[in-house]
N, C-alpha and C. Protein backbone atom coordinates (compact mmCIF):
# COMPACT_ATOMS: atom_id res chain seq x y z
N MET A 1 232.64 -50.06 -4.30
CA MET A 1 233.85 -49.93 -5.07
C MET A 1 233.86 -48.57 -5.78
N GLU A 2 235.00 -47.92 -5.77
CA GLU A 2 235.12 -46.60 -6.39
C GLU A 2 235.24 -46.72 -7.90
N ARG A 3 234.71 -45.72 -8.56
CA ARG A 3 234.81 -45.63 -10.01
C ARG A 3 235.98 -44.72 -10.34
N LYS A 4 236.84 -45.13 -11.24
CA LYS A 4 238.00 -44.32 -11.63
C LYS A 4 237.60 -43.35 -12.73
N LEU A 5 237.98 -42.09 -12.55
CA LEU A 5 237.74 -41.04 -13.53
C LEU A 5 239.07 -40.40 -13.90
N ASN A 6 239.23 -40.11 -15.17
CA ASN A 6 240.42 -39.40 -15.64
C ASN A 6 239.99 -38.10 -16.29
N THR A 7 240.70 -37.02 -15.98
CA THR A 7 240.39 -35.74 -16.60
C THR A 7 241.13 -35.62 -17.92
N PRO A 8 240.57 -34.90 -18.88
CA PRO A 8 239.28 -34.22 -18.83
C PRO A 8 238.13 -35.24 -18.83
N ILE A 9 237.01 -34.83 -18.25
CA ILE A 9 235.85 -35.70 -18.11
C ILE A 9 234.84 -35.36 -19.20
N SER A 10 234.44 -36.36 -19.95
CA SER A 10 233.52 -36.14 -21.07
C SER A 10 232.09 -35.92 -20.57
N ALA A 11 231.28 -35.32 -21.41
CA ALA A 11 229.87 -35.09 -21.09
C ALA A 11 229.15 -36.41 -20.83
N ASP A 12 229.49 -37.45 -21.58
CA ASP A 12 228.85 -38.76 -21.38
C ASP A 12 229.17 -39.32 -20.00
N VAL A 13 230.43 -39.19 -19.58
CA VAL A 13 230.81 -39.68 -18.24
C VAL A 13 230.10 -38.86 -17.17
N ILE A 14 230.04 -37.56 -17.34
CA ILE A 14 229.35 -36.69 -16.37
C ILE A 14 227.90 -37.13 -16.23
N LYS A 15 227.23 -37.35 -17.35
CA LYS A 15 225.82 -37.77 -17.32
C LYS A 15 225.65 -39.14 -16.68
N SER A 16 226.65 -39.99 -16.75
CA SER A 16 226.54 -41.34 -16.20
C SER A 16 226.77 -41.40 -14.69
N LEU A 17 227.34 -40.36 -14.10
CA LEU A 17 227.60 -40.35 -12.66
C LEU A 17 226.28 -40.25 -11.89
N LYS A 18 226.17 -41.04 -10.84
CA LYS A 18 224.93 -41.08 -10.05
C LYS A 18 225.19 -40.69 -8.60
N VAL A 19 224.22 -40.03 -8.01
CA VAL A 19 224.33 -39.56 -6.64
C VAL A 19 224.73 -40.73 -5.72
N GLY A 20 225.67 -40.45 -4.83
CA GLY A 20 226.16 -41.45 -3.89
C GLY A 20 227.33 -42.27 -4.39
N GLU A 21 227.62 -42.18 -5.68
CA GLU A 21 228.72 -42.95 -6.26
C GLU A 21 230.07 -42.40 -5.77
N GLU A 22 230.97 -43.31 -5.41
CA GLU A 22 232.31 -42.93 -4.99
C GLU A 22 233.23 -42.96 -6.20
N VAL A 23 234.06 -41.92 -6.33
CA VAL A 23 234.96 -41.82 -7.48
C VAL A 23 236.39 -41.56 -7.01
N LEU A 24 237.34 -41.97 -7.84
CA LEU A 24 238.75 -41.65 -7.66
C LEU A 24 239.20 -40.92 -8.91
N ILE A 25 239.63 -39.68 -8.76
CA ILE A 25 239.96 -38.82 -9.89
C ILE A 25 241.47 -38.78 -10.09
N SER A 26 241.88 -38.95 -11.33
CA SER A 26 243.29 -38.79 -11.70
C SER A 26 243.38 -37.84 -12.88
N GLY A 27 244.43 -37.03 -12.88
CA GLY A 27 244.63 -36.06 -13.95
C GLY A 27 244.75 -34.66 -13.37
N ILE A 28 244.24 -33.69 -14.10
CA ILE A 28 244.33 -32.28 -13.70
C ILE A 28 243.03 -31.83 -13.05
N ILE A 29 243.14 -31.16 -11.90
CA ILE A 29 242.01 -30.43 -11.33
C ILE A 29 242.53 -29.03 -10.99
N TYR A 30 241.62 -28.07 -10.97
CA TYR A 30 241.99 -26.68 -10.71
C TYR A 30 241.37 -26.25 -9.38
N THR A 31 242.11 -25.45 -8.62
CA THR A 31 241.60 -24.94 -7.36
C THR A 31 241.06 -23.53 -7.55
N ALA A 32 240.01 -23.21 -6.81
CA ALA A 32 239.47 -21.85 -6.81
C ALA A 32 238.49 -21.71 -5.66
N ARG A 33 238.64 -20.63 -4.92
CA ARG A 33 237.71 -20.30 -3.85
C ARG A 33 237.02 -18.99 -4.19
N ASP A 34 236.42 -18.37 -3.19
CA ASP A 34 235.58 -17.18 -3.37
C ASP A 34 236.23 -16.08 -4.19
N ALA A 35 237.40 -15.63 -3.76
CA ALA A 35 238.05 -14.50 -4.43
C ALA A 35 238.42 -14.84 -5.87
N ALA A 36 238.90 -16.04 -6.10
CA ALA A 36 239.25 -16.45 -7.47
C ALA A 36 238.00 -16.52 -8.34
N HIS A 37 236.90 -17.01 -7.78
CA HIS A 37 235.65 -17.06 -8.54
C HIS A 37 235.21 -15.64 -8.92
N ALA A 38 235.26 -14.72 -7.96
CA ALA A 38 234.86 -13.33 -8.25
C ALA A 38 235.75 -12.75 -9.34
N ASN A 39 237.05 -12.99 -9.27
CA ASN A 39 237.97 -12.50 -10.30
C ASN A 39 237.67 -13.10 -11.66
N MET A 40 237.42 -14.41 -11.70
CA MET A 40 237.12 -15.06 -12.99
C MET A 40 235.87 -14.50 -13.62
N VAL A 41 234.80 -14.38 -12.83
CA VAL A 41 233.54 -13.86 -13.37
C VAL A 41 233.72 -12.44 -13.89
N LYS A 42 234.40 -11.60 -13.13
CA LYS A 42 234.63 -10.21 -13.54
C LYS A 42 235.47 -10.17 -14.83
N SER A 43 236.53 -10.94 -14.85
CA SER A 43 237.43 -10.96 -16.01
C SER A 43 236.71 -11.45 -17.27
N ILE A 44 236.00 -12.56 -17.16
CA ILE A 44 235.29 -13.12 -18.31
C ILE A 44 234.18 -12.17 -18.76
N SER A 45 233.50 -11.55 -17.81
CA SER A 45 232.45 -10.57 -18.14
C SER A 45 233.01 -9.38 -18.91
N ASN A 46 234.31 -9.09 -18.69
CA ASN A 46 234.98 -8.00 -19.40
C ASN A 46 235.70 -8.49 -20.65
N ASN A 47 235.26 -9.65 -21.15
CA ASN A 47 235.76 -10.23 -22.40
C ASN A 47 237.20 -10.72 -22.35
N SER A 48 237.72 -11.00 -21.17
CA SER A 48 239.04 -11.63 -21.06
C SER A 48 238.86 -13.14 -21.10
N ALA A 49 239.88 -13.83 -21.53
CA ALA A 49 239.83 -15.29 -21.56
C ALA A 49 239.90 -15.83 -20.13
N PRO A 50 239.22 -16.94 -19.86
CA PRO A 50 239.34 -17.55 -18.53
C PRO A 50 240.76 -18.07 -18.31
N PRO A 51 241.16 -18.30 -17.07
CA PRO A 51 242.52 -18.76 -16.80
C PRO A 51 242.81 -20.16 -17.33
N PHE A 52 241.75 -20.92 -17.62
CA PHE A 52 241.88 -22.24 -18.25
C PHE A 52 240.56 -22.56 -18.93
N ASP A 53 240.58 -23.48 -19.88
CA ASP A 53 239.37 -23.90 -20.58
C ASP A 53 238.56 -24.78 -19.65
N PHE A 54 237.34 -24.40 -19.34
CA PHE A 54 236.51 -25.12 -18.38
C PHE A 54 236.01 -26.47 -18.88
N VAL A 55 235.91 -26.65 -20.18
CA VAL A 55 235.30 -27.86 -20.74
C VAL A 55 236.07 -29.11 -20.31
N GLY A 56 235.35 -30.02 -19.67
CA GLY A 56 235.92 -31.28 -19.23
C GLY A 56 236.76 -31.20 -17.97
N GLN A 57 236.88 -30.01 -17.40
CA GLN A 57 237.75 -29.81 -16.24
C GLN A 57 236.96 -29.75 -14.94
N ILE A 58 237.68 -29.75 -13.84
CA ILE A 58 237.11 -29.75 -12.50
C ILE A 58 237.66 -28.55 -11.73
N ILE A 59 236.78 -27.88 -11.00
CA ILE A 59 237.22 -26.88 -10.03
C ILE A 59 236.99 -27.46 -8.64
N TYR A 60 238.05 -27.42 -7.84
CA TYR A 60 238.03 -27.88 -6.45
C TYR A 60 238.07 -26.66 -5.56
N TYR A 61 237.08 -26.52 -4.68
CA TYR A 61 237.00 -25.39 -3.77
C TYR A 61 237.92 -25.65 -2.58
N VAL A 62 239.13 -25.11 -2.67
CA VAL A 62 240.14 -25.35 -1.65
C VAL A 62 241.12 -24.19 -1.60
N GLY A 63 241.61 -23.91 -0.42
CA GLY A 63 242.70 -22.96 -0.22
C GLY A 63 243.79 -23.70 0.53
N PRO A 64 244.68 -24.36 -0.18
CA PRO A 64 245.66 -25.22 0.49
C PRO A 64 246.66 -24.45 1.35
N THR A 65 247.20 -25.17 2.31
CA THR A 65 248.26 -24.60 3.14
C THR A 65 249.58 -24.74 2.38
N PRO A 66 250.61 -24.00 2.80
CA PRO A 66 251.91 -24.11 2.12
C PRO A 66 252.46 -25.54 2.18
N ALA A 67 253.17 -25.91 1.13
CA ALA A 67 253.76 -27.25 1.05
C ALA A 67 254.95 -27.37 1.99
N LYS A 68 255.07 -28.52 2.60
CA LYS A 68 256.26 -28.84 3.38
C LYS A 68 257.36 -29.26 2.41
N PRO A 69 258.61 -29.18 2.80
CA PRO A 69 259.69 -29.60 1.90
C PRO A 69 259.46 -31.00 1.35
N GLY A 70 259.65 -31.14 0.05
CA GLY A 70 259.48 -32.42 -0.61
C GLY A 70 258.05 -32.78 -0.97
N ARG A 71 257.10 -31.90 -0.68
CA ARG A 71 255.69 -32.16 -0.98
C ARG A 71 255.21 -31.17 -2.03
N ALA A 72 254.23 -31.59 -2.81
CA ALA A 72 253.67 -30.73 -3.86
C ALA A 72 252.75 -29.66 -3.29
N ILE A 73 252.12 -29.96 -2.17
CA ILE A 73 251.11 -29.07 -1.60
C ILE A 73 250.97 -29.37 -0.12
N GLY A 74 250.45 -28.41 0.63
CA GLY A 74 250.14 -28.64 2.03
C GLY A 74 248.77 -29.27 2.16
N SER A 75 248.22 -29.21 3.33
CA SER A 75 246.89 -29.74 3.58
C SER A 75 245.90 -29.09 2.62
N CYS A 76 245.03 -29.89 2.03
CA CYS A 76 244.12 -29.35 1.00
C CYS A 76 242.72 -29.93 1.12
N GLY A 77 242.10 -29.64 2.26
CA GLY A 77 240.72 -30.08 2.46
C GLY A 77 239.74 -29.11 1.81
N PRO A 78 238.54 -29.59 1.51
CA PRO A 78 237.55 -28.77 0.81
C PRO A 78 237.01 -27.65 1.69
N THR A 79 236.57 -26.59 1.03
CA THR A 79 235.92 -25.49 1.73
C THR A 79 234.42 -25.54 1.44
N SER A 80 233.65 -24.83 2.21
CA SER A 80 232.19 -24.82 2.06
C SER A 80 231.80 -24.26 0.70
N SER A 81 231.00 -25.01 -0.01
CA SER A 81 230.68 -24.70 -1.41
C SER A 81 229.63 -23.63 -1.59
N TYR A 82 228.75 -23.44 -0.63
CA TYR A 82 227.65 -22.49 -0.81
C TYR A 82 228.14 -21.10 -1.17
N ARG A 83 229.37 -20.76 -0.77
CA ARG A 83 229.90 -19.42 -1.07
C ARG A 83 230.15 -19.23 -2.56
N MET A 84 230.23 -20.31 -3.32
CA MET A 84 230.45 -20.21 -4.76
C MET A 84 229.13 -20.26 -5.55
N ASP A 85 228.01 -20.44 -4.85
CA ASP A 85 226.72 -20.58 -5.54
C ASP A 85 226.39 -19.40 -6.44
N LYS A 86 226.78 -18.19 -6.05
CA LYS A 86 226.45 -17.02 -6.86
C LYS A 86 227.32 -16.93 -8.12
N PHE A 87 228.45 -17.63 -8.15
CA PHE A 87 229.36 -17.59 -9.30
C PHE A 87 229.21 -18.80 -10.22
N SER A 88 228.82 -19.93 -9.65
CA SER A 88 228.82 -21.19 -10.39
C SER A 88 227.93 -21.20 -11.64
N PRO A 89 226.71 -20.64 -11.61
CA PRO A 89 225.90 -20.67 -12.84
C PRO A 89 226.61 -20.00 -14.03
N PHE A 90 227.24 -18.87 -13.79
CA PHE A 90 227.96 -18.17 -14.86
C PHE A 90 229.07 -19.06 -15.43
N LEU A 91 229.84 -19.71 -14.54
CA LEU A 91 230.93 -20.56 -15.01
C LEU A 91 230.41 -21.82 -15.70
N MET A 92 229.29 -22.35 -15.23
CA MET A 92 228.71 -23.51 -15.91
C MET A 92 228.27 -23.14 -17.33
N GLU A 93 227.74 -21.94 -17.50
CA GLU A 93 227.35 -21.49 -18.84
C GLU A 93 228.57 -21.38 -19.76
N LYS A 94 229.75 -21.19 -19.18
CA LYS A 94 230.99 -21.09 -19.95
C LYS A 94 231.67 -22.44 -20.13
N GLY A 95 231.05 -23.53 -19.63
CA GLY A 95 231.57 -24.87 -19.87
C GLY A 95 231.96 -25.69 -18.67
N LEU A 96 231.99 -25.09 -17.47
CA LEU A 96 232.34 -25.84 -16.27
C LEU A 96 231.21 -26.82 -15.94
N LYS A 97 231.55 -28.10 -15.74
CA LYS A 97 230.51 -29.09 -15.44
C LYS A 97 230.80 -29.93 -14.21
N VAL A 98 232.00 -29.80 -13.61
CA VAL A 98 232.32 -30.60 -12.43
C VAL A 98 232.95 -29.71 -11.36
N MET A 99 232.37 -29.75 -10.16
CA MET A 99 232.85 -28.96 -9.03
C MET A 99 233.01 -29.89 -7.84
N ILE A 100 234.03 -29.63 -7.02
CA ILE A 100 234.25 -30.40 -5.79
C ILE A 100 234.32 -29.43 -4.62
N GLY A 101 233.63 -29.76 -3.55
CA GLY A 101 233.69 -28.96 -2.33
C GLY A 101 233.16 -29.75 -1.17
N LYS A 102 232.55 -29.05 -0.22
CA LYS A 102 231.87 -29.74 0.87
C LYS A 102 230.60 -28.98 1.20
N GLY A 103 229.63 -29.70 1.68
CA GLY A 103 228.38 -29.09 2.11
C GLY A 103 227.35 -28.96 1.01
N GLU A 104 226.19 -28.53 1.44
CA GLU A 104 225.04 -28.42 0.55
C GLU A 104 225.16 -27.24 -0.41
N ARG A 105 224.38 -27.32 -1.49
CA ARG A 105 224.24 -26.23 -2.46
C ARG A 105 222.79 -25.75 -2.42
N SER A 106 222.56 -24.53 -2.89
CA SER A 106 221.21 -23.96 -2.86
C SER A 106 220.29 -24.68 -3.84
N ASP A 107 218.98 -24.57 -3.58
CA ASP A 107 218.00 -25.16 -4.50
C ASP A 107 218.14 -24.58 -5.90
N GLU A 108 218.44 -23.27 -5.97
CA GLU A 108 218.61 -22.62 -7.26
C GLU A 108 219.81 -23.21 -8.01
N LEU A 109 220.89 -23.47 -7.29
CA LEU A 109 222.06 -24.04 -7.95
C LEU A 109 221.80 -25.47 -8.39
N ILE A 110 221.07 -26.24 -7.60
CA ILE A 110 220.74 -27.61 -8.00
C ILE A 110 219.95 -27.59 -9.31
N LYS A 111 219.03 -26.66 -9.45
CA LYS A 111 218.28 -26.53 -10.72
C LYS A 111 219.22 -26.21 -11.87
N GLU A 112 220.21 -25.34 -11.62
CA GLU A 112 221.18 -24.99 -12.66
C GLU A 112 222.08 -26.17 -13.00
N ILE A 113 222.48 -26.95 -11.99
CA ILE A 113 223.28 -28.15 -12.23
C ILE A 113 222.52 -29.09 -13.16
N LYS A 114 221.24 -29.28 -12.89
CA LYS A 114 220.40 -30.14 -13.73
C LYS A 114 220.28 -29.56 -15.15
N LYS A 115 220.02 -28.27 -15.24
CA LYS A 115 219.89 -27.60 -16.54
C LYS A 115 221.17 -27.72 -17.37
N GLN A 116 222.32 -27.53 -16.73
CA GLN A 116 223.60 -27.54 -17.43
C GLN A 116 224.21 -28.95 -17.57
N LYS A 117 223.52 -29.96 -17.01
CA LYS A 117 224.03 -31.35 -17.03
C LYS A 117 225.42 -31.41 -16.42
N ALA A 118 225.53 -30.81 -15.24
CA ALA A 118 226.78 -30.75 -14.49
C ALA A 118 226.68 -31.71 -13.30
N VAL A 119 227.73 -31.80 -12.51
CA VAL A 119 227.72 -32.58 -11.27
C VAL A 119 228.48 -31.84 -10.18
N TYR A 120 228.08 -32.11 -8.95
CA TYR A 120 228.76 -31.57 -7.78
C TYR A 120 229.25 -32.76 -6.97
N LEU A 121 230.54 -32.77 -6.72
CA LEU A 121 231.16 -33.82 -5.92
C LEU A 121 231.55 -33.26 -4.57
N ILE A 122 231.57 -34.12 -3.56
CA ILE A 122 232.07 -33.68 -2.26
C ILE A 122 233.32 -34.46 -1.92
N ALA A 123 234.24 -33.75 -1.29
CA ALA A 123 235.42 -34.37 -0.70
C ALA A 123 235.19 -34.36 0.80
N ILE A 124 235.82 -35.24 1.49
CA ILE A 124 235.63 -35.36 2.93
C ILE A 124 236.40 -34.25 3.65
N GLY A 125 235.69 -33.46 4.44
CA GLY A 125 236.33 -32.42 5.23
C GLY A 125 237.09 -33.03 6.39
N GLY A 126 238.14 -32.36 6.84
CA GLY A 126 238.91 -32.81 7.99
C GLY A 126 240.04 -33.76 7.67
N ILE A 127 240.18 -34.12 6.38
CA ILE A 127 241.28 -35.03 6.01
C ILE A 127 242.18 -34.39 4.96
N GLY A 128 242.35 -33.09 5.06
CA GLY A 128 243.16 -32.35 4.09
C GLY A 128 244.58 -32.86 3.96
N ALA A 129 245.18 -33.31 5.07
CA ALA A 129 246.55 -33.84 5.00
C ALA A 129 246.58 -35.13 4.18
N LEU A 130 245.56 -35.97 4.35
CA LEU A 130 245.48 -37.21 3.56
C LEU A 130 245.21 -36.90 2.08
N LEU A 131 244.30 -35.95 1.82
CA LEU A 131 244.01 -35.59 0.44
C LEU A 131 245.25 -35.05 -0.26
N SER A 132 246.10 -34.35 0.47
CA SER A 132 247.31 -33.78 -0.14
C SER A 132 248.23 -34.87 -0.69
N LYS A 133 248.14 -36.06 -0.15
CA LYS A 133 248.98 -37.15 -0.63
C LYS A 133 248.61 -37.62 -2.03
N THR A 134 247.41 -37.24 -2.51
CA THR A 134 247.02 -37.59 -3.88
C THR A 134 247.55 -36.59 -4.90
N VAL A 135 248.07 -35.45 -4.42
CA VAL A 135 248.54 -34.37 -5.30
C VAL A 135 250.01 -34.60 -5.65
N GLN A 136 250.26 -34.77 -6.95
CA GLN A 136 251.61 -35.02 -7.44
C GLN A 136 252.35 -33.72 -7.78
N SER A 137 251.60 -32.71 -8.24
CA SER A 137 252.21 -31.41 -8.54
C SER A 137 251.18 -30.31 -8.36
N SER A 138 251.67 -29.10 -8.12
CA SER A 138 250.82 -27.94 -7.91
C SER A 138 251.51 -26.73 -8.53
N GLU A 139 250.77 -26.00 -9.36
CA GLU A 139 251.33 -24.83 -10.03
C GLU A 139 250.30 -23.70 -10.01
N VAL A 140 250.68 -22.52 -9.50
CA VAL A 140 249.79 -21.36 -9.54
C VAL A 140 249.70 -20.90 -10.99
N ILE A 141 248.46 -20.79 -11.50
CA ILE A 141 248.27 -20.37 -12.90
C ILE A 141 247.54 -19.04 -13.04
N ALA A 142 246.94 -18.55 -11.94
CA ALA A 142 246.22 -17.27 -12.03
C ALA A 142 246.05 -16.67 -10.63
N TYR A 143 246.06 -15.34 -10.58
CA TYR A 143 245.81 -14.57 -9.37
C TYR A 143 246.78 -14.91 -8.24
N PRO A 144 248.08 -14.87 -8.48
CA PRO A 144 249.05 -15.24 -7.44
C PRO A 144 248.97 -14.36 -6.19
N LYS A 145 248.51 -13.13 -6.33
CA LYS A 145 248.41 -12.24 -5.17
C LYS A 145 247.37 -12.73 -4.15
N LEU A 146 246.52 -13.67 -4.57
CA LEU A 146 245.51 -14.21 -3.66
C LEU A 146 246.09 -15.27 -2.72
N ASP A 147 247.38 -15.59 -2.88
CA ASP A 147 248.06 -16.58 -2.04
C ASP A 147 247.31 -17.91 -2.03
N ALA A 148 246.78 -18.32 -0.88
CA ALA A 148 246.11 -19.63 -0.78
C ALA A 148 244.89 -19.72 -1.69
N GLU A 149 244.31 -18.57 -2.04
CA GLU A 149 243.13 -18.58 -2.90
C GLU A 149 243.47 -18.42 -4.39
N ALA A 150 244.73 -18.39 -4.73
CA ALA A 150 245.12 -18.33 -6.15
C ALA A 150 244.61 -19.59 -6.86
N ILE A 151 244.45 -19.49 -8.16
CA ILE A 151 244.06 -20.67 -8.93
C ILE A 151 245.31 -21.50 -9.18
N ARG A 152 245.20 -22.77 -8.81
CA ARG A 152 246.30 -23.72 -9.00
C ARG A 152 245.86 -24.82 -9.95
N LYS A 153 246.81 -25.31 -10.69
CA LYS A 153 246.63 -26.49 -11.52
C LYS A 153 247.28 -27.65 -10.76
N LEU A 154 246.45 -28.59 -10.32
CA LEU A 154 246.95 -29.74 -9.58
C LEU A 154 246.94 -30.98 -10.46
N THR A 155 247.96 -31.78 -10.35
CA THR A 155 247.96 -33.11 -10.94
C THR A 155 247.72 -34.07 -9.79
N VAL A 156 246.63 -34.85 -9.90
CA VAL A 156 246.25 -35.76 -8.82
C VAL A 156 246.19 -37.20 -9.31
N VAL A 157 246.36 -38.12 -8.38
CA VAL A 157 246.20 -39.54 -8.65
C VAL A 157 245.28 -40.11 -7.58
N ASP A 158 244.16 -40.64 -8.02
CA ASP A 158 243.17 -41.27 -7.13
C ASP A 158 242.68 -40.34 -6.02
N PHE A 159 242.32 -39.11 -6.41
CA PHE A 159 241.72 -38.16 -5.47
C PHE A 159 240.28 -38.64 -5.20
N PRO A 160 239.94 -38.91 -3.92
CA PRO A 160 238.61 -39.47 -3.62
C PRO A 160 237.53 -38.41 -3.49
N ALA A 161 236.36 -38.72 -4.05
CA ALA A 161 235.21 -37.83 -3.93
C ALA A 161 233.93 -38.67 -4.04
N ILE A 162 232.82 -38.04 -3.70
CA ILE A 162 231.51 -38.69 -3.76
C ILE A 162 230.59 -37.80 -4.58
N VAL A 163 229.79 -38.39 -5.47
CA VAL A 163 228.81 -37.63 -6.25
C VAL A 163 227.70 -37.19 -5.29
N ALA A 164 227.62 -35.89 -5.04
CA ALA A 164 226.61 -35.36 -4.12
C ALA A 164 225.37 -34.88 -4.85
N ILE A 165 225.55 -34.32 -6.06
CA ILE A 165 224.42 -33.91 -6.90
C ILE A 165 224.75 -34.35 -8.31
N ASP A 166 223.89 -35.18 -8.87
CA ASP A 166 224.15 -35.67 -10.22
C ASP A 166 223.50 -34.79 -11.27
N SER A 167 223.72 -35.10 -12.52
CA SER A 167 223.26 -34.25 -13.62
C SER A 167 221.73 -34.23 -13.78
N GLU A 168 221.05 -35.10 -13.05
CA GLU A 168 219.57 -35.10 -13.05
C GLU A 168 219.02 -34.30 -11.88
N GLY A 169 219.92 -33.75 -11.06
CA GLY A 169 219.49 -32.94 -9.91
C GLY A 169 219.23 -33.74 -8.65
N ASN A 170 219.52 -35.05 -8.67
CA ASN A 170 219.38 -35.86 -7.47
C ASN A 170 220.47 -35.46 -6.48
N SER A 171 220.10 -35.32 -5.21
CA SER A 171 221.03 -34.81 -4.20
C SER A 171 221.19 -35.79 -3.04
N ILE A 172 222.42 -35.95 -2.61
CA ILE A 172 222.73 -36.79 -1.45
C ILE A 172 222.22 -36.14 -0.17
N PHE A 173 221.97 -34.83 -0.22
CA PHE A 173 221.53 -34.10 0.96
C PHE A 173 220.04 -34.22 1.16
């Protein structure tokens, strides 16, 4: 049975999530891929405010396709997470504690997830069209010139994910 989560997600809820647990997320999640991560790290390093407050929020590694008429978003399947490994520790230090993507993370990042009491969730690859049905609204909030890789604020209802790495560093992989 899936566990229902509502954003923002508290530190206590994050700590209670266990590897292998299935979750359904409702509320706000933010999208960001490689280029958006590089821009955020550079901007924050130069003392600019992040595009959103990371505390209690989720970043989903996705570059959605354009929305069809009457839809909030196009297909939105997860992208490979390892490409964000070099950026994630910096963002976790700034308050990010929940990430969604697909695939394994490096041993170094798993240690950082444990240190920061964060979690890594996986979404199922290959079902982007089905995942898009959980998205009620989509709004570009940063880096619009990046097109599909722009940061979006998504409102989701029952977005499915699995806890792949919990806050104790236990890994499904």
